[in-house]
Each structure stands twice: as structure tokens, then as C-alpha cells.
Amino acid sequence: MKRNPLHYVVAALRRFFIRAVHLAGNVICRPQQALYRLFCFIGNIGKPPAAILLVSGMLFLYSFPALAQSTSHDMEVAAQQFIRSLDTTLRAQACFSWEDNERFNWHFVPRERKGLPLKAMSPAQRDKAYRLLKICMSNSGYLKAQAIVANEEILRALEGRGTDDGYRDPGKYYFTVFGNPAPGKPWGWRMEGHHLSLNFSAVDKSLVAGTPAFMGANPAIVPDGPAKGRQILKEESSLAFDLLHSLDSGQLRQALIQEKAPADIITGNKRKAWLLDPPGLAYSHLTKAQQQQLKRIVAVYVDRYTKLMADILWKEITAAGWENLHFAWAGARQWGAGHYYRIQGPTFVIEYDNTQNNANHVHTAFRDLKNDFGEDMLQQHYERSHR
């Protein structure tokens, strides 16, 4: 039997949406279940009427709110389960009020922190803490965070410290909850230690911010031992070098902002990231292939998050205009000597610096220029609530 070519398009759509629904699992609400059944019924008839495309589009539009709501709800539940697993003493260490200024006291150096460290948790409590992290991150982001924690053991060995050394200690990564993880009021949480700071804010069952975010690695490439060659933040480095090396001489003159790289990321641990108008090479001065490469670099940072948070960030970046992005480079143009890059647009800034320890010590930061700690979204929430 000869089939209409549209049949094959519809069949592919049907497979895609069925797979999406299966991945969504229990988050599908009743209207979506009805659409899903209707779509399967129509798809099995073998005749591809226009209604199939309509139903598929409806299912697609319905899926995002349910997934978004579920992710934030799952985050609430995971935080509640983590808190309930703690006794009174540990809970006092882990929990702060939403209004406490500790929420803005973030950093990425080896120092004592407020919050509950991994080494003070039981295995079951650590599992609950890491479940909270897993809900808020993509698989790649979650694995990078875990690898950064484990890297403390490698750094301890490279520096010749004893196994009982407390300075390079994977147990000194702290989980802190701010406010009550429940609907109606803002709340947030943080995971932080040497080379890792992840800050999340939520309100009205919605995850509204996942910044400031910092990931670092020392050593950036493990030089020796069983993990020799491991490079936790490889994409952050290699994709940027690929873009740099694709530039012609005129483009390079615009991109290069100084011959020597700064000693660290410029925004530091400020509560609000602030930089002058973006220097460097404008997006519009890149070729189509180079523009795609720049987007791939941005994706490495944005796609560290769960799809819900990443979708919010992509929407903001796109709405502000890709043509407003700039790519800036400083320092060496090959691995092995200090180098730095920045990607800056109206809504965000990405910084990467590799200058310490003979340029084998990477720092990366992703900042939302309006909404770090959820401040912009939360201000809108307060204004709506007091009208």
C-alpha cells in the first residue's frame, strides 16, 4: 500500500512525543494523558490527518509547564527530605533564614564555610544532599560537580599532603538551605567548597535562578598518577581554543583585549556582577561557523543545568539578541601559558581563567547580570504580591 509522505513525518513525531512522555514519567497531568492517548490512537490508524499534527503540537506545548512545575516540586521535596534526615544540631548548621546575608556570602577558595559539610553527614544524608544537586543539574553538570569534589584527593596527593590533611578535603563541601522549601515563599540552597559554588533560588513552585555559578579544577589536567590526563573542564577550554584559532588576523585584533591574562576571573565573588561594556569581538563579526562555535561554548555553561533552568537561560539570551554578544581573549593563545576569555551579553557573562600553577588551574564563572540569587525575579514577585 502506497503511503502519503506525511505519514512518515507523523510517525517520526509520534515516536518523539511518546519517548518524551515516557521520559517525563509521572509528571504528566491528566489533560496530557488524555492528549497522549488520543495521539497514540490517531497515530495507529495509519491515516495521517492534519489533526495529528495539531494534537502533537498541543502535547508539545503542554509538556513544558508540567515538567517545569515537576522539577521545582521535586527540588522542594528533595530539600525537605534532606532537612528531615538531620537531627537538631545538624539542622541548625544546614538551615538559615531566607533573609540571612549568608545567602550572598559565596566564594570558591579553600576556607571554612557555614552550612553542613559532607564529612559531617551519614551516607544516607549525603545521598539526600546529592539527590538535591542531581535534580537541579543536567547529567553532565552533576558529573562535573562530583568530579570537582573528588579532585581534592588528587590535589592533596600532588601537594604531598597526608591522607588526614584537612586543607584539601573532599568532605569540606557544604550544603546550605535558605528559607523554608515550601510553596508560597522564596527559598534557596547552595552547594559550595573549594572550586565549586552552585546557588539556586525558587519561588511559587518555580526555579528562578541558578547563579552565581562557579566551577574550577586544580589540576586542570592531572599530570601524574592513576588519573593522569583527566581534564574535568575540557570542553570549556578546548572549544574556546578552537574558536580562537579559527579567527583571521583582523578578528583576532578585535578579540584580543590584552597580552597578559588577568590573575583570576574579574567578577570575583561580588554579590552583583558588574563589568564595563563588553570588549572584544562582536558576534556579528564572526562567520556563520564561528557563531555556531560561540554558541557551543555558551551551551557548555548553560547546559550544566537541568533542562528547565537551561530553557529559561536560553530564552533570556535569545530575547536579548545574539548579535549583542562579544568574545574577548587575553594572554597566551596555546595551552601551557596563562590565558583568559570572556563571553558577555546583555543578560549574562561567562568568564574563564587559567593562569595559576603554571597555567594548569582553571576557574570558570557563569553570572546572570540581572538575576543572580534570583533577585530580579524575586523583586517582581514582591511587587506583584503587594499591589
Protein backbone atom coordinates (compact mmCIF):
# COMPACT_ATOMS: atom_id res chain seq x y z
CA MET A 1 0.00 0.00 0.00
CA LYS A 2 1.42 3.36 -1.02
CA ARG A 3 1.52 5.80 1.87
CA ASN A 4 1.27 9.55 1.95
CA PRO A 5 4.77 11.01 2.64
CA LEU A 6 3.22 12.89 5.56
CA HIS A 7 2.68 9.52 7.21
CA TYR A 8 6.40 9.13 7.80
CA VAL A 9 6.68 12.63 9.26
CA VAL A 10 3.82 11.90 11.61
CA ALA A 11 5.28 8.54 12.57
CA ALA A 12 8.55 10.21 13.49
CA LEU A 13 6.70 12.86 15.51
CA ARG A 14 4.70 10.19 17.24
CA ARG A 15 7.84 8.29 18.26
CA PHE A 16 9.41 11.53 19.52
CA PHE A 17 6.44 12.53 21.67
CA ILE A 18 5.86 9.06 23.04
CA ARG A 19 9.53 8.97 24.04
CA ALA A 20 9.23 12.43 25.61
CA VAL A 21 6.20 11.38 27.59
CA HIS A 22 7.92 8.25 28.81
CA LEU A 23 10.90 10.30 29.93
CA ALA A 24 8.62 12.71 31.74
CA GLY A 25 7.26 9.79 33.76
CA ASN A 26 4.82 10.66 36.47
CA VAL A 27 4.86 14.40 35.86
CA ILE A 28 2.19 14.12 33.16
CA CYS A 29 -1.07 15.62 34.34
CA ARG A 30 -4.46 14.27 33.37
CA PRO A 31 -5.04 16.55 30.35
CA GLN A 32 -1.68 15.49 28.98
CA GLN A 33 -2.50 11.83 29.50
CA ALA A 34 -5.69 12.30 27.51
CA LEU A 35 -3.76 14.02 24.69
CA TYR A 36 -1.18 11.29 24.77
CA ARG A 37 -3.82 8.55 24.41
CA LEU A 38 -5.57 10.46 21.63
CA PHE A 39 -2.30 10.91 19.80
CA CYS A 40 -1.46 7.19 20.08
CA PHE A 41 -4.95 6.26 18.86
CA ILE A 42 -4.82 8.56 15.83
CA GLY A 43 -1.25 7.57 15.03
CA ASN A 44 -2.17 3.88 15.00
CA ILE A 45 -4.94 4.38 12.45
CA GLY A 46 -2.33 4.72 9.72
CA LYS A 47 -4.01 7.72 8.09
CA PRO A 48 -2.16 10.97 8.84
CA PRO A 49 -4.85 13.64 9.08
CA ALA A 50 -3.94 17.22 9.97
CA ALA A 51 -5.41 16.58 13.40
CA ILE A 52 -2.34 14.52 14.28
CA LEU A 53 -0.07 17.50 13.83
CA LEU A 54 -2.44 19.60 15.91
CA VAL A 55 -2.51 17.06 18.73
CA SER A 56 1.27 16.65 18.62
CA GLY A 57 1.72 20.40 18.88
CA MET A 58 -0.71 20.56 21.81
CA LEU A 59 1.17 17.79 23.59
CA PHE A 60 4.45 19.59 22.99
CA LEU A 61 3.10 22.84 24.46
CA TYR A 62 1.55 21.06 27.44
CA SER A 63 4.72 19.18 28.31
CA PHE A 64 6.87 22.16 29.33
CA PRO A 65 4.75 23.61 32.19
CA ALA A 66 4.29 20.17 33.70
CA LEU A 67 7.98 19.39 33.50
CA ALA A 68 8.90 22.81 34.88
CA GLN A 69 6.47 22.51 37.77
CA SER A 70 7.63 18.98 38.49
CA THR A 71 11.31 19.92 38.56
CA SER A 72 10.70 22.70 41.09
CA HIS A 73 8.36 20.49 43.12
CA ASP A 74 10.97 17.72 43.09
CA MET A 75 13.55 20.21 44.33
CA GLU A 76 11.26 21.18 47.21
CA VAL A 77 10.63 17.57 48.13
CA ALA A 78 14.32 16.67 47.94
CA ALA A 79 15.24 19.64 50.17
CA GLN A 80 12.53 18.69 52.67
CA GLN A 81 13.76 15.09 52.76
CA PHE A 82 17.33 16.24 53.28
CA ILE A 83 16.32 18.53 56.15
CA ARG A 84 14.16 15.83 57.78
CA SER A 85 17.12 13.44 57.76
CA LEU A 86 19.10 15.79 60.03
CA ASP A 87 18.97 15.92 63.80
CA THR A 88 18.53 19.22 65.61
CA THR A 89 22.26 20.02 65.74
CA LEU A 90 22.94 19.28 62.08
CA ARG A 91 19.78 21.09 61.02
CA ALA A 92 20.97 24.21 62.81
CA GLN A 93 24.20 24.02 60.80
CA ALA A 94 22.47 23.46 57.47
CA CYS A 95 19.50 25.83 57.65
CA PHE A 96 19.39 29.64 57.55
CA SER A 97 16.58 32.11 57.12
CA TRP A 98 15.95 33.47 53.65
CA GLU A 99 16.80 36.97 54.84
CA ASP A 100 20.21 35.98 56.25
CA ASN A 101 23.08 37.72 54.43
CA GLU A 102 24.93 34.41 54.46
CA ARG A 103 22.99 33.66 51.28
CA PHE A 104 25.21 36.15 49.44
CA ASN A 105 28.47 35.08 51.13
CA TRP A 106 29.73 32.85 48.35
CA HIS A 107 33.30 32.03 47.36
CA PHE A 108 35.48 29.45 45.62
CA VAL A 109 38.62 29.16 47.75
CA PRO A 110 39.52 26.54 50.40
CA ARG A 111 38.16 28.12 53.58
CA GLU A 112 35.75 27.38 56.41
CA ARG A 113 32.14 27.87 55.42
CA LYS A 114 28.75 27.98 57.03
CA GLY A 115 26.47 25.11 56.22
CA LEU A 116 26.70 21.36 56.68
CA PRO A 117 29.83 19.70 55.22
CA LEU A 118 29.70 16.34 53.52
CA LYS A 119 32.07 14.88 56.11
CA ALA A 120 29.53 15.59 58.88
CA MET A 121 26.78 13.66 57.08
CA SER A 122 25.92 9.99 57.23
CA PRO A 123 25.92 8.07 53.92
CA ALA A 124 22.11 8.34 53.79
CA GLN A 125 22.24 12.09 54.39
CA ARG A 126 24.88 12.53 51.69
CA ASP A 127 22.66 10.61 49.28
CA LYS A 128 19.81 13.01 50.00
CA ALA A 129 22.07 16.03 49.60
CA TYR A 130 23.36 14.78 46.26
CA ARG A 131 19.83 13.98 45.12
CA LEU A 132 19.03 17.67 45.55
CA LEU A 133 22.03 18.52 43.39
CA LYS A 134 21.08 15.96 40.75
CA ILE A 135 17.57 17.41 40.40
CA CYS A 136 18.98 20.88 39.67
CA MET A 137 21.74 19.88 37.25
CA SER A 138 21.97 18.10 33.93
CA ASN A 139 23.81 14.80 33.93
CA SER A 140 26.98 16.46 32.62
CA GLY A 141 26.75 19.26 35.19
CA TYR A 142 26.19 16.80 38.01
CA LEU A 143 29.16 14.65 36.98
CA LYS A 144 31.41 17.71 36.75
CA ALA A 145 30.39 18.80 40.26
CA GLN A 146 31.13 15.33 41.62
CA ALA A 147 34.49 15.25 39.84
CA ILE A 148 35.46 18.64 41.28
CA VAL A 149 34.81 17.33 44.81
CA ALA A 150 36.86 14.19 44.10
CA ASN A 151 39.68 16.32 42.65
CA GLU A 152 40.58 17.38 46.19
CA GLU A 153 42.09 13.93 46.75
CA ILE A 154 44.26 14.30 43.64
CA LEU A 155 45.38 17.78 44.66
CA ARG A 156 46.18 16.54 48.16
CA ALA A 157 48.44 13.83 46.72
CA LEU A 158 50.13 16.18 44.23
CA GLU A 159 50.93 18.63 47.02
CA GLY A 160 52.37 15.83 49.17
CA ARG A 161 49.86 16.23 51.98
CA GLY A 162 48.94 13.39 54.30
CA THR A 163 45.72 11.42 53.95
CA ASP A 164 44.40 13.11 57.09
CA ASP A 165 45.08 16.61 55.75
CA GLY A 166 42.12 18.94 56.29
CA TYR A 167 43.08 21.65 53.82
CA ARG A 168 42.48 19.63 50.66
CA ASP A 169 39.45 17.70 51.81
CA PRO A 170 36.55 16.40 49.66
CA GLY A 171 34.47 16.31 52.83
CA LYS A 172 34.59 20.12 53.08
CA TYR A 173 31.89 20.81 50.54
CA TYR A 174 28.92 22.36 52.28
CA PHE A 175 25.15 22.19 51.72
CA THR A 176 23.11 25.11 52.98
CA VAL A 177 19.36 25.73 52.74
CA PHE A 178 17.92 29.25 52.94
CA GLY A 179 14.29 29.67 53.92
CA ASN A 180 11.58 27.04 54.05
CA PRO A 181 11.38 24.83 50.93
CA ALA A 182 7.62 25.08 50.52
CA PRO A 183 5.19 26.82 48.16
CA GLY A 184 4.34 30.48 48.63
CA LYS A 185 7.60 31.93 49.88
CA PRO A 186 11.06 32.22 48.34
CA TRP A 187 13.73 29.75 49.35
CA GLY A 188 17.04 28.55 48.02
CA TRP A 189 20.04 26.38 48.62
CA ARG A 190 23.76 26.28 47.95
CA MET A 191 26.48 23.69 47.48
CA GLU A 192 29.91 25.18 47.98
CA GLY A 193 33.53 24.30 48.61
CA HIS A 194 36.93 24.79 47.02
CA HIS A 195 36.34 25.28 43.27
CA LEU A 196 32.58 24.84 43.41
CA SER A 197 29.76 27.23 44.21
CA LEU A 198 26.23 26.49 42.99
CA ASN A 199 23.41 28.77 44.12
CA PHE A 200 19.72 28.09 43.45
CA SER A 201 16.65 30.23 44.19
CA ALA A 202 12.95 29.35 43.88
CA VAL A 203 9.55 30.93 44.47
CA ASP A 204 5.92 30.00 43.68
CA LYS A 205 6.90 26.45 42.70
CA SER A 206 9.34 27.79 40.11
CA LEU A 207 13.10 27.60 39.96
CA VAL A 208 14.01 31.21 39.14
CA ALA A 209 17.82 31.28 39.32
CA GLY A 210 20.85 29.02 39.27
CA THR A 211 23.53 31.68 39.57
CA PRO A 212 26.08 32.73 40.56
CA ALA A 213 27.77 29.51 39.49
CA PHE A 214 31.44 28.67 39.74
CA MET A 215 33.36 25.56 38.69
CA GLY A 216 37.11 25.18 38.83
CA ALA A 217 39.78 22.50 38.59
CA ASN A 218 43.26 22.23 40.04
CA PRO A 219 44.96 20.48 38.41
CA ALA A 220 43.11 21.29 35.22
CA ILE A 221 44.83 18.30 33.58
CA VAL A 222 46.06 15.68 36.05
CA PRO A 223 49.81 15.35 35.36
CA ASP A 224 50.53 12.05 37.07
CA GLY A 225 49.14 9.10 38.97
CA PRO A 226 46.18 6.79 38.30
CA ALA A 227 44.06 9.70 36.99
CA LYS A 228 46.76 11.04 34.67
CA GLY A 229 45.26 13.02 31.79
CA ARG A 230 41.90 13.63 33.42
CA GLN A 231 40.51 17.06 32.47
CA ILE A 232 37.25 17.91 34.22
CA LEU A 233 36.63 21.18 32.35
CA LYS A 234 37.95 20.07 28.98
CA GLU A 235 35.11 21.46 26.84
CA GLU A 236 35.36 24.87 28.48
CA SER A 237 38.99 25.03 27.31
CA SER A 238 39.12 23.19 24.00
CA LEU A 239 36.04 24.75 22.39
CA ALA A 240 37.30 28.25 23.17
CA PHE A 241 40.75 27.50 21.72
CA ASP A 242 39.06 26.13 18.61
CA LEU A 243 37.16 29.38 18.17
CA LEU A 244 40.26 31.48 18.85
CA HIS A 245 42.32 29.55 16.29
CA SER A 246 39.60 29.99 13.64
CA LEU A 247 39.85 33.80 13.76
CA ASP A 248 41.61 35.66 10.99
CA SER A 249 44.12 38.40 11.81
CA GLY A 250 41.53 41.18 11.77
CA GLN A 251 39.16 39.28 14.02
CA LEU A 252 42.00 38.38 16.36
CA ARG A 253 42.95 42.04 16.79
CA GLN A 254 39.39 42.77 17.94
CA ALA A 255 39.15 39.73 20.22
CA LEU A 256 42.49 40.20 21.97
CA ILE A 257 41.94 42.68 24.81
CA GLN A 258 45.38 42.38 26.44
CA GLU A 259 48.56 40.38 26.03
CA LYS A 260 48.64 39.20 29.63
CA ALA A 261 45.76 37.30 31.19
CA PRO A 262 44.28 38.63 34.46
CA ALA A 263 45.25 36.72 37.59
CA ASP A 264 41.69 35.47 38.12
CA ILE A 265 38.12 35.94 36.97
CA ILE A 266 37.35 39.65 37.11
CA THR A 267 33.88 39.49 38.63
CA GLY A 268 35.28 37.60 41.63
CA ASN A 269 32.76 36.74 44.32
CA LYS A 270 30.87 40.03 44.23
CA ARG A 271 27.19 39.86 45.13
CA LYS A 272 26.31 41.57 41.87
CA ALA A 273 28.42 41.01 38.79
CA TRP A 274 29.33 44.27 37.11
CA LEU A 275 31.54 44.86 34.11
CA LEU A 276 32.02 47.66 31.65
CA ASP A 277 30.54 47.42 28.17
CA PRO A 278 31.74 44.15 26.69
CA PRO A 279 35.09 44.36 24.93
CA GLY A 280 36.30 42.02 22.25
CA LEU A 281 34.95 40.66 19.01
CA ALA A 282 31.27 41.20 18.26
CA TYR A 283 29.08 38.24 17.33
CA SER A 284 28.14 39.98 14.08
CA HIS A 285 31.81 39.99 13.04
CA LEU A 286 32.02 36.20 13.21
CA THR A 287 31.34 33.89 10.30
CA LYS A 288 28.31 31.61 10.50
CA ALA A 289 30.52 28.69 11.51
CA GLN A 290 32.24 30.79 14.18
CA GLN A 291 28.87 31.97 15.51
CA GLN A 292 27.84 28.34 15.92
CA GLN A 293 31.11 27.64 17.72
CA LEU A 294 30.48 30.52 20.11
CA LYS A 295 27.01 29.12 20.82
CA ARG A 296 28.59 25.73 21.56
CA ILE A 297 30.81 27.35 24.19
CA VAL A 298 27.83 29.11 25.78
CA ALA A 299 25.95 25.80 25.74
CA VAL A 300 28.67 24.16 27.84
CA TYR A 301 27.84 26.59 30.67
CA VAL A 302 24.08 26.82 30.21
CA ASP A 303 23.54 23.10 29.75
CA ARG A 304 25.16 22.30 33.07
CA TYR A 305 21.68 22.91 34.49
CA THR A 306 18.52 20.89 34.42
CA LYS A 307 16.56 21.44 31.20
CA LEU A 308 14.08 23.76 32.93
CA MET A 309 16.78 26.18 34.08
CA ALA A 310 18.67 25.91 30.80
CA ASP A 311 15.50 26.72 28.82
CA ILE A 312 14.96 29.85 30.91
CA LEU A 313 18.52 30.99 30.27
CA TRP A 314 18.39 30.23 26.53
CA LYS A 315 15.16 32.22 26.25
CA GLU A 316 16.74 35.22 28.01
CA ILE A 317 19.88 35.12 25.88
CA THR A 318 17.90 34.83 22.65
CA ALA A 319 15.48 37.60 23.61
CA ALA A 320 18.40 39.93 24.41
CA GLY A 321 19.89 39.22 20.98
CA TRP A 322 22.82 37.04 19.98
CA GLU A 323 24.08 39.98 17.94
CA ASN A 324 24.87 41.72 21.24
CA LEU A 325 27.38 39.09 22.38
CA HIS A 326 31.13 39.71 22.46
CA PHE A 327 34.03 37.28 22.71
CA ALA A 328 37.20 38.57 24.37
CA TRP A 329 40.55 36.86 24.87
CA ALA A 330 43.65 37.73 26.92
CA GLY A 331 47.04 36.07 27.30
CA ALA A 332 48.56 33.05 25.58
CA ARG A 333 46.92 31.53 22.54
CA GLN A 334 48.04 27.98 23.29
CA TRP A 335 47.65 25.73 26.32
CA GLY A 336 50.61 25.88 28.71
CA ALA A 337 50.72 29.61 29.50
CA GLY A 338 48.24 31.91 31.20
CA HIS A 339 45.07 32.64 29.23
CA TYR A 340 41.60 34.07 29.82
CA TYR A 341 38.37 34.55 27.91
CA ARG A 342 35.06 36.25 28.45
CA ILE A 343 31.74 35.91 26.67
CA GLN A 344 29.43 38.77 27.56
CA GLY A 345 25.94 39.75 26.53
CA PRO A 346 23.17 41.96 27.93
CA THR A 347 21.94 39.26 30.34
CA PHE A 348 24.99 37.19 31.28
CA VAL A 349 28.74 36.95 31.49
CA ILE A 350 30.92 33.87 31.25
CA GLU A 351 34.50 34.08 32.49
CA TYR A 352 37.29 31.55 32.18
CA ASP A 353 40.76 32.00 33.63
CA ASN A 354 43.76 29.67 33.61
CA THR A 355 46.85 31.38 34.99
CA GLN A 356 47.77 29.74 38.30
CA ASN A 357 50.03 26.70 38.85
CA ASN A 358 51.83 27.14 35.52
CA ALA A 359 48.50 27.58 33.74
CA ASN A 360 47.09 24.25 34.87
CA HIS A 361 44.46 25.64 37.23
CA VAL A 362 41.13 26.63 35.68
CA HIS A 363 38.43 28.91 37.11
CA THR A 364 35.08 29.38 35.36
CA ALA A 365 32.11 31.51 36.34
CA PHE A 366 28.64 31.98 34.94
CA ARG A 367 26.77 35.08 36.13
CA ASP A 368 23.31 36.41 35.39
CA LEU A 369 23.76 40.16 35.19
CA LYS A 370 20.22 40.87 36.44
CA ASN A 371 19.12 37.76 38.27
CA ASP A 372 21.96 36.35 40.37
CA PHE A 373 20.44 34.88 43.55
CA GLY A 374 17.07 35.32 41.84
CA GLU A 375 17.00 38.98 42.84
CA ASP A 376 15.33 40.32 39.70
CA MET A 377 12.63 37.65 39.59
CA LEU A 378 12.04 37.87 43.33
CA GLN A 379 11.66 41.64 43.13
CA GLN A 380 8.96 41.14 40.53
CA HIS A 381 7.32 38.59 42.81
CA TYR A 382 7.27 41.03 45.74
CA GLU A 383 5.87 43.81 43.58
CA ARG A 384 3.04 41.58 42.34
CA SER A 385 2.30 40.42 45.88
CA HIS A 386 1.93 43.97 47.23
CA ARG A 387 -0.19 45.52 44.52
